[in-house]
N, C-alpha and C. Protein backbone atom coordinates (compact mmCIF):
# COMPACT_ATOMS: atom_id res chain seq x y z
N MET A 1 116.71 19.66 -8.32
CA MET A 1 116.94 18.84 -7.26
C MET A 1 118.19 17.81 -7.60
N LYS A 2 118.95 17.56 -6.52
CA LYS A 2 119.99 16.68 -6.70
C LYS A 2 120.04 15.62 -5.74
N CYS A 3 120.42 14.53 -6.25
CA CYS A 3 120.50 13.19 -5.54
C CYS A 3 121.75 13.10 -4.55
N LEU A 4 121.63 12.29 -3.67
CA LEU A 4 122.83 12.21 -2.71
C LEU A 4 124.18 11.69 -3.61
N CYS A 5 123.91 11.00 -4.53
CA CYS A 5 125.00 10.60 -5.30
C CYS A 5 125.54 11.75 -6.26
N GLY A 6 124.98 12.80 -6.27
CA GLY A 6 125.45 13.90 -7.16
C GLY A 6 124.74 14.11 -8.58
N TYR A 7 123.81 13.14 -8.78
CA TYR A 7 123.15 13.25 -9.99
C TYR A 7 122.15 14.47 -9.92
N LEU A 8 122.12 15.29 -10.95
CA LEU A 8 121.13 16.40 -10.83
C LEU A 8 119.92 16.29 -11.81
N PHE A 9 118.76 16.10 -11.15
CA PHE A 9 117.54 16.00 -11.90
C PHE A 9 117.18 17.34 -12.64
N ALA A 10 117.03 17.30 -13.81
CA ALA A 10 116.50 18.35 -14.63
C ALA A 10 115.22 18.74 -14.35
N ALA A 11 114.76 20.13 -14.46
CA ALA A 11 113.43 20.43 -14.16
C ALA A 11 112.49 19.64 -15.28
N VAL A 12 112.98 19.40 -16.34
CA VAL A 12 112.11 18.42 -17.27
C VAL A 12 113.04 17.28 -17.66
N GLU A 13 112.71 16.19 -17.21
CA GLU A 13 113.56 14.96 -17.56
C GLU A 13 113.11 14.61 -18.86
N GLN A 14 113.89 14.05 -19.68
CA GLN A 14 113.65 13.40 -21.05
C GLN A 14 113.04 12.03 -20.83
N ASN A 15 113.45 11.37 -19.73
CA ASN A 15 112.99 10.04 -19.50
C ASN A 15 112.03 9.97 -18.27
N THR A 16 110.89 9.88 -18.50
CA THR A 16 109.99 9.98 -17.31
C THR A 16 109.55 8.60 -16.74
N ASP A 17 110.24 7.56 -17.21
CA ASP A 17 109.78 6.26 -16.70
C ASP A 17 110.04 5.87 -15.28
N ASN A 18 110.96 6.83 -14.72
CA ASN A 18 111.20 6.81 -13.38
C ASN A 18 110.81 7.90 -12.56
N ASP A 19 109.73 8.58 -12.86
CA ASP A 19 109.13 9.79 -12.15
C ASP A 19 107.70 9.61 -12.09
N PHE A 20 107.23 9.78 -10.89
CA PHE A 20 105.87 9.43 -10.65
C PHE A 20 105.11 10.41 -9.64
N ALA A 21 103.91 10.56 -9.94
CA ALA A 21 103.19 11.61 -9.11
C ALA A 21 102.81 11.01 -7.71
N LEU A 22 102.84 11.79 -6.77
CA LEU A 22 102.61 11.39 -5.46
C LEU A 22 101.33 12.20 -4.83
N ILE A 23 100.38 11.51 -4.42
CA ILE A 23 99.27 12.14 -3.88
C ILE A 23 98.83 11.53 -2.52
N ARG A 24 98.74 12.30 -1.47
CA ARG A 24 98.44 11.80 -0.25
C ARG A 24 97.09 11.17 -0.29
N ASN A 25 96.82 10.14 0.39
CA ASN A 25 95.39 9.49 0.46
C ASN A 25 94.35 10.58 0.93
N ARG A 26 94.60 11.36 1.78
CA ARG A 26 93.73 12.29 2.39
C ARG A 26 93.19 13.28 1.33
N ASP A 27 94.26 13.57 0.42
CA ASP A 27 94.05 14.65 -0.63
C ASP A 27 93.52 13.94 -1.99
N TYR A 28 93.34 12.77 -2.12
CA TYR A 28 92.99 12.09 -3.39
C TYR A 28 91.73 12.57 -3.87
N GLN A 29 90.57 12.55 -3.05
CA GLN A 29 89.31 12.83 -3.47
C GLN A 29 89.19 14.30 -3.88
N SER A 30 89.87 15.20 -3.18
CA SER A 30 89.96 16.62 -3.62
C SER A 30 90.57 16.76 -4.81
N PHE A 31 91.76 15.96 -5.04
CA PHE A 31 92.59 16.08 -6.32
C PHE A 31 91.63 15.57 -7.41
N LEU A 32 90.79 14.53 -7.40
CA LEU A 32 90.07 14.20 -8.49
C LEU A 32 88.97 15.20 -8.80
N LYS A 33 88.36 15.71 -7.69
CA LYS A 33 87.31 16.65 -7.91
C LYS A 33 87.86 17.95 -8.78
N LEU A 34 89.01 18.41 -8.37
CA LEU A 34 89.78 19.42 -9.20
C LEU A 34 89.97 19.00 -10.64
N GLU A 35 90.48 17.88 -10.72
CA GLU A 35 90.78 17.36 -12.10
C GLU A 35 89.54 17.09 -12.97
N GLN A 36 88.44 16.91 -12.25
CA GLN A 36 87.11 16.78 -13.07
C GLN A 36 86.71 18.32 -13.44
N ARG A 37 87.08 19.24 -12.69
CA ARG A 37 86.58 20.53 -13.07
C ARG A 37 87.55 20.97 -14.15
N VAL A 38 88.77 20.58 -14.15
CA VAL A 38 89.67 20.95 -15.41
C VAL A 38 89.04 20.36 -16.58
N LEU A 39 88.62 19.17 -16.59
CA LEU A 39 88.14 18.45 -17.88
C LEU A 39 86.90 19.02 -18.15
N ALA A 40 85.99 19.54 -17.30
CA ALA A 40 84.76 20.23 -17.74
C ALA A 40 84.83 21.53 -17.90
N ALA A 41 85.89 22.41 -17.87
CA ALA A 41 86.07 23.74 -18.17
C ALA A 41 85.89 23.95 -19.65
N LYS A 42 85.16 25.04 -20.08
CA LYS A 42 84.95 25.19 -21.43
C LYS A 42 86.15 26.08 -22.05
N THR A 43 86.69 26.84 -21.16
CA THR A 43 87.83 27.69 -21.75
C THR A 43 89.18 27.33 -20.88
N GLU A 44 90.23 27.77 -21.46
CA GLU A 44 91.47 27.52 -20.85
C GLU A 44 91.57 28.30 -19.44
N GLU A 45 90.91 29.64 -19.52
CA GLU A 45 90.88 30.50 -18.43
C GLU A 45 90.09 29.79 -17.28
N GLU A 46 88.99 29.12 -17.45
CA GLU A 46 88.36 28.37 -16.44
C GLU A 46 89.05 27.26 -15.81
N SER A 47 89.95 26.58 -16.56
CA SER A 47 90.64 25.57 -16.11
C SER A 47 91.88 25.92 -15.36
N LEU A 48 92.35 27.17 -15.31
CA LEU A 48 93.52 27.64 -14.59
C LEU A 48 93.52 27.43 -13.03
N SER A 49 92.36 27.99 -12.55
CA SER A 49 92.33 27.77 -11.08
C SER A 49 92.30 26.22 -10.48
N PRO A 50 91.62 25.43 -11.09
CA PRO A 50 91.71 24.06 -10.64
C PRO A 50 92.96 23.45 -10.83
N ILE A 51 93.66 23.84 -12.01
CA ILE A 51 94.99 23.21 -12.10
C ILE A 51 95.93 23.67 -11.11
N ALA A 52 95.84 24.86 -10.77
CA ALA A 52 96.67 25.59 -9.77
C ALA A 52 96.54 24.82 -8.35
N LYS A 53 95.24 24.58 -8.11
CA LYS A 53 94.85 23.97 -6.76
C LYS A 53 95.28 22.63 -6.79
N SER A 54 94.92 21.83 -7.92
CA SER A 54 95.39 20.40 -7.79
C SER A 54 96.92 20.20 -7.79
N ALA A 55 97.69 21.21 -8.52
CA ALA A 55 99.14 20.99 -8.47
C ALA A 55 99.66 21.06 -7.15
N ARG A 56 99.07 21.79 -6.14
CA ARG A 56 99.49 21.87 -4.78
C ARG A 56 99.33 20.67 -3.88
N LEU A 57 98.48 19.68 -4.56
CA LEU A 57 98.36 18.42 -3.88
C LEU A 57 99.23 17.31 -4.35
N VAL A 58 100.09 17.70 -5.43
CA VAL A 58 100.92 16.51 -6.02
C VAL A 58 102.43 16.67 -5.59
N GLY A 59 102.88 15.53 -5.08
CA GLY A 59 104.35 15.37 -4.83
C GLY A 59 105.02 14.68 -5.84
N ASN A 60 106.14 14.12 -5.64
CA ASN A 60 106.94 13.56 -6.59
C ASN A 60 107.68 12.37 -6.07
N VAL A 61 107.70 11.38 -6.74
CA VAL A 61 108.72 10.24 -6.48
C VAL A 61 109.57 10.06 -7.65
N LYS A 62 110.82 9.96 -7.45
CA LYS A 62 111.68 9.77 -8.61
C LYS A 62 112.72 8.76 -8.23
N GLU A 63 113.13 7.75 -9.17
CA GLU A 63 114.28 6.97 -9.06
C GLU A 63 115.61 7.51 -9.74
N CYS A 64 116.59 7.70 -8.99
CA CYS A 64 117.83 8.11 -9.54
C CYS A 64 118.35 7.04 -10.55
N PRO A 65 118.63 7.41 -11.83
CA PRO A 65 118.94 6.70 -12.84
C PRO A 65 120.76 6.24 -12.62
N GLU A 66 121.31 7.00 -11.80
CA GLU A 66 122.73 6.74 -11.47
C GLU A 66 122.91 5.73 -10.26
N CYS A 67 122.24 5.96 -9.30
CA CYS A 67 122.37 5.04 -8.17
C CYS A 67 121.12 4.32 -7.52
N GLY A 68 120.12 4.50 -8.30
CA GLY A 68 118.86 3.59 -7.92
C GLY A 68 118.16 4.02 -6.71
N ARG A 69 118.47 5.12 -6.08
CA ARG A 69 117.77 5.71 -4.90
C ARG A 69 116.40 6.07 -5.22
N VAL A 70 115.58 5.89 -4.44
CA VAL A 70 114.13 6.44 -4.50
C VAL A 70 114.20 7.81 -3.64
N VAL A 71 113.90 8.93 -4.47
CA VAL A 71 113.69 10.24 -3.85
C VAL A 71 112.38 10.61 -3.80
N ILE A 72 111.82 11.04 -2.52
CA ILE A 72 110.46 11.23 -2.21
C ILE A 72 110.36 12.62 -1.80
N THR A 73 109.46 13.52 -2.59
CA THR A 73 109.32 14.88 -2.23
C THR A 73 107.66 15.03 -2.09
N PRO A 74 107.15 15.06 -0.83
CA PRO A 74 105.68 15.34 -0.62
C PRO A 74 105.24 16.64 -1.26
N ALA A 75 103.91 16.56 -1.48
CA ALA A 75 103.30 17.91 -2.13
C ALA A 75 103.51 19.02 -1.01
N GLY A 76 103.81 20.23 -1.44
CA GLY A 76 104.02 21.28 -0.43
C GLY A 76 105.46 21.48 0.10
N GLU A 77 106.30 20.56 -0.33
CA GLU A 77 107.67 20.52 0.23
C GLU A 77 108.66 21.11 -0.88
N ASP A 78 109.55 21.82 -0.21
CA ASP A 78 110.51 22.51 -1.26
C ASP A 78 111.60 21.48 -1.78
N GLY A 79 111.85 20.47 -1.02
CA GLY A 79 112.91 19.57 -1.28
C GLY A 79 112.59 18.25 -0.72
N PRO A 80 113.36 17.29 -1.10
CA PRO A 80 113.11 15.71 -0.62
C PRO A 80 113.02 15.55 0.73
N ALA A 81 111.90 14.55 1.12
CA ALA A 81 111.75 14.21 2.49
C ALA A 81 112.60 13.13 2.83
N GLY A 82 113.18 12.45 1.82
CA GLY A 82 114.03 11.32 2.14
C GLY A 82 114.50 10.66 0.82
N TYR A 83 115.62 10.09 0.87
CA TYR A 83 116.29 9.02 -0.09
C TYR A 83 116.32 7.71 0.55
N PHE A 84 115.85 6.72 -0.43
CA PHE A 84 115.92 5.35 0.09
C PHE A 84 116.56 4.56 -0.93
N THR A 85 117.26 3.55 -0.34
CA THR A 85 117.81 2.48 -1.14
C THR A 85 117.46 1.04 -0.62
N GLN A 86 117.96 0.02 -1.35
CA GLN A 86 117.70 -1.18 -0.90
C GLN A 86 118.36 -1.43 0.53
N GLU A 87 119.58 -0.81 0.70
CA GLU A 87 120.19 -0.95 2.01
C GLU A 87 119.59 -0.06 3.14
N ALA A 88 118.78 1.02 2.70
CA ALA A 88 118.11 1.69 3.68
C ALA A 88 116.74 2.04 3.06
N PRO A 89 115.92 0.97 3.29
CA PRO A 89 114.50 0.86 2.91
C PRO A 89 113.65 1.85 3.27
N LEU A 90 112.51 1.94 2.57
CA LEU A 90 111.39 2.97 3.07
C LEU A 90 111.02 2.72 4.52
N PRO A 91 110.70 3.69 5.28
CA PRO A 91 110.52 3.60 6.76
C PRO A 91 109.13 2.98 7.07
N TRP A 92 108.26 2.69 6.09
CA TRP A 92 107.07 1.97 6.59
C TRP A 92 107.07 0.62 6.06
């Protein structure tokens, strides 16, 4: 993923202090139930299905280390839904 300033976010960032999971309120209970199934799994194989299902409910919020933009990618989206700065604040 690339920020509007040109910064390229690596697939695995070394510094995760500016990277957050994003879960819609309507999906939160389902996400927690799936995570509980992962924790209760007795084998790695048992945990794979709930991990895959819960991963589909998680989006991402990143802060660009170069320009400070907040980049929001909702769950299920291929790319960012928006880029926000202090000059162009979040729409809510």
